N, C-alpha and C. Protein backbone atom coordinates (compact mmCIF):
# COMPACT_ATOMS: atom_id res chain seq x y z
N MET A 1 -1.12 15.87 30.17
CA MET A 1 -2.03 15.41 29.14
C MET A 1 -1.29 15.51 27.81
N GLU A 2 -1.28 14.36 27.14
CA GLU A 2 -0.60 14.35 25.75
C GLU A 2 -1.54 15.00 24.67
N GLU A 3 -0.96 15.60 23.79
CA GLU A 3 -1.72 16.24 22.74
C GLU A 3 -1.82 15.20 21.62
N ALA A 4 -2.90 15.20 20.75
CA ALA A 4 -3.06 14.30 19.66
C ALA A 4 -2.28 14.82 18.49
N LYS A 5 -1.50 13.96 17.94
CA LYS A 5 -0.56 14.50 16.79
C LYS A 5 -1.42 14.60 15.59
N PRO A 6 -1.08 15.59 14.80
CA PRO A 6 -1.80 15.75 13.49
C PRO A 6 -1.49 14.62 12.55
N ALA A 7 -2.48 14.31 11.68
CA ALA A 7 -2.27 13.30 10.60
C ALA A 7 -1.12 13.84 9.65
N THR A 8 -0.24 12.82 9.39
CA THR A 8 0.80 13.38 8.46
C THR A 8 0.41 13.07 7.03
N LYS A 9 0.93 13.94 6.24
CA LYS A 9 0.64 13.71 4.83
C LYS A 9 1.56 12.72 4.23
N PRO A 10 1.01 11.79 3.52
CA PRO A 10 1.88 10.75 2.80
C PRO A 10 2.73 11.46 1.80
N THR A 11 3.86 10.95 1.64
CA THR A 11 4.87 11.55 0.69
C THR A 11 5.11 10.77 -0.57
N ASN A 12 5.05 9.34 -0.42
CA ASN A 12 5.46 8.54 -1.50
C ASN A 12 4.42 7.36 -1.58
N CYS A 13 4.28 6.77 -2.83
CA CYS A 13 3.43 5.62 -3.12
C CYS A 13 4.03 4.47 -2.30
N ALA A 14 3.21 3.58 -1.77
CA ALA A 14 3.78 2.43 -1.11
C ALA A 14 4.30 1.37 -2.09
N LYS A 15 3.98 1.36 -3.36
CA LYS A 15 4.49 0.45 -4.28
C LYS A 15 5.67 0.87 -5.04
N CYS A 16 5.50 2.03 -5.69
CA CYS A 16 6.50 2.55 -6.68
C CYS A 16 7.34 3.63 -6.12
N ASN A 17 7.02 4.13 -4.94
CA ASN A 17 7.72 5.19 -4.27
C ASN A 17 7.80 6.51 -5.10
N LYS A 18 6.79 6.87 -5.88
CA LYS A 18 6.64 8.08 -6.60
C LYS A 18 6.13 9.05 -5.56
N VAL A 19 6.37 10.30 -5.83
CA VAL A 19 5.88 11.45 -4.96
C VAL A 19 4.43 11.55 -5.19
N LEU A 20 3.60 11.59 -4.06
CA LEU A 20 2.18 11.73 -4.18
C LEU A 20 1.75 13.17 -4.21
N LYS A 21 0.88 13.46 -5.17
CA LYS A 21 0.28 14.78 -5.09
C LYS A 21 -1.04 14.64 -4.57
N LYS A 22 -1.69 15.75 -3.83
CA LYS A 22 -2.87 15.63 -3.11
C LYS A 22 -4.03 15.16 -4.04
N LYS A 23 -4.09 15.54 -5.35
CA LYS A 23 -5.23 15.20 -6.13
C LYS A 23 -5.22 13.69 -6.42
N ILE A 24 -4.04 13.06 -6.40
CA ILE A 24 -4.07 11.74 -6.96
C ILE A 24 -3.78 10.65 -5.80
N TRP A 25 -4.05 10.83 -4.54
CA TRP A 25 -3.86 9.98 -3.49
C TRP A 25 -4.98 8.83 -3.64
N TYR A 26 -4.53 7.53 -3.59
CA TYR A 26 -5.36 6.43 -3.71
C TYR A 26 -5.13 5.63 -2.47
N TYR A 27 -6.02 5.60 -1.51
CA TYR A 27 -5.93 5.05 -0.18
C TYR A 27 -6.55 3.78 -0.11
N ARG A 28 -5.92 2.51 0.09
CA ARG A 28 -6.51 1.39 0.35
C ARG A 28 -5.59 0.53 1.29
N ASN A 29 -6.27 -0.19 2.15
CA ASN A 29 -5.62 -1.09 3.05
C ASN A 29 -4.67 -0.36 4.00
N GLY A 30 -4.89 0.81 4.34
CA GLY A 30 -3.98 1.56 5.28
C GLY A 30 -2.80 2.12 4.56
N LYS A 31 -2.59 2.07 3.33
CA LYS A 31 -1.58 2.67 2.60
C LYS A 31 -2.04 3.58 1.53
N TYR A 32 -1.05 4.47 1.21
CA TYR A 32 -1.39 5.43 0.03
C TYR A 32 -0.65 4.94 -1.24
N PHE A 33 -1.28 4.99 -2.31
CA PHE A 33 -0.82 4.53 -3.69
C PHE A 33 -0.95 5.65 -4.61
N CYS A 34 -0.20 5.72 -5.79
CA CYS A 34 -0.30 6.86 -6.63
C CYS A 34 -1.51 6.52 -7.58
N ASN A 35 -1.79 5.36 -7.80
CA ASN A 35 -2.97 5.08 -8.72
C ASN A 35 -3.55 3.52 -8.36
N LYS A 36 -4.51 3.17 -9.22
CA LYS A 36 -5.12 1.84 -8.96
C LYS A 36 -4.20 0.76 -9.30
N THR A 37 -3.46 0.97 -10.34
CA THR A 37 -2.48 -0.03 -10.97
C THR A 37 -1.43 -0.39 -9.86
N CYS A 38 -0.88 0.63 -9.18
CA CYS A 38 0.03 0.29 -8.02
C CYS A 38 -0.62 -0.53 -6.95
N TRP A 39 -1.83 -0.14 -6.61
CA TRP A 39 -2.55 -0.82 -5.59
C TRP A 39 -2.76 -2.31 -5.99
N ARG A 40 -3.29 -2.60 -7.11
CA ARG A 40 -3.51 -3.87 -7.57
C ARG A 40 -2.24 -4.69 -7.69
N ALA A 41 -1.13 -4.13 -8.08
CA ALA A 41 0.19 -4.79 -8.12
C ALA A 41 0.52 -5.30 -6.74
N SER A 42 0.48 -4.41 -5.79
CA SER A 42 0.74 -4.69 -4.37
C SER A 42 -0.17 -5.90 -3.78
N VAL A 43 -1.38 -5.85 -4.18
CA VAL A 43 -2.29 -6.91 -3.84
C VAL A 43 -1.87 -8.25 -4.31
N VAL A 44 -1.46 -8.28 -5.63
CA VAL A 44 -1.05 -9.49 -6.32
C VAL A 44 0.23 -10.04 -5.73
N LYS A 45 1.16 -9.00 -5.40
CA LYS A 45 2.40 -9.45 -4.79
C LYS A 45 2.18 -9.99 -3.35
N ALA A 46 1.20 -9.44 -2.64
CA ALA A 46 0.95 -9.97 -1.25
C ALA A 46 0.28 -11.36 -1.33
N GLU A 47 -0.52 -11.58 -2.28
CA GLU A 47 -1.15 -12.89 -2.42
C GLU A 47 -0.36 -14.05 -2.94
N LYS A 48 0.74 -13.68 -3.77
CA LYS A 48 1.58 -14.57 -4.43
C LYS A 48 2.37 -15.54 -3.47
N PRO A 49 3.10 -14.93 -2.43
CA PRO A 49 3.65 -15.74 -1.50
C PRO A 49 2.81 -16.64 -0.61
N ALA A 50 1.68 -16.13 -0.25
CA ALA A 50 0.68 -16.82 0.42
C ALA A 50 0.13 -18.05 -0.27
N ALA A 51 -0.05 -17.90 -1.62
CA ALA A 51 -0.37 -19.01 -2.44
C ALA A 51 0.71 -20.09 -2.53
N GLY A 52 1.94 -19.68 -2.53
CA GLY A 52 3.04 -20.63 -2.61
C GLY A 52 3.23 -21.43 -1.32
N GLU A 53 2.83 -20.78 -0.04
CA GLU A 53 2.98 -21.59 1.09
C GLU A 53 1.88 -22.67 1.22
N ALA A 54 0.80 -22.51 0.44
CA ALA A 54 -0.36 -23.33 0.60
C ALA A 54 -0.17 -24.78 0.10
N LYS A 55 1.04 -24.88 -0.77
CA LYS A 55 1.25 -26.21 -1.47
C LYS A 55 1.48 -27.33 -0.37
N PRO A 56 0.75 -28.45 -0.46
CA PRO A 56 1.07 -29.48 0.48
C PRO A 56 2.40 -30.27 0.17
N ALA A 57 3.04 -30.61 1.18
CA ALA A 57 4.29 -31.44 0.88
C ALA A 57 3.89 -32.93 0.81
N ALA A 58 4.48 -33.46 -0.30
CA ALA A 58 4.00 -34.88 -0.63
C ALA A 58 5.15 -35.71 -0.24
């Protein structure tokens, strides 16, 4: 029988790669960020390419 692995502590922000301290973890969409600004920047970056692909070819 396999043992359940313990949850790993996130080490770096998903956007800026700063070291995360326990007091300032910001968890959204399955990733850990250092603050709300980094999270919003990653959301904008993720939406930008999707918006570019939506242009119809004339």
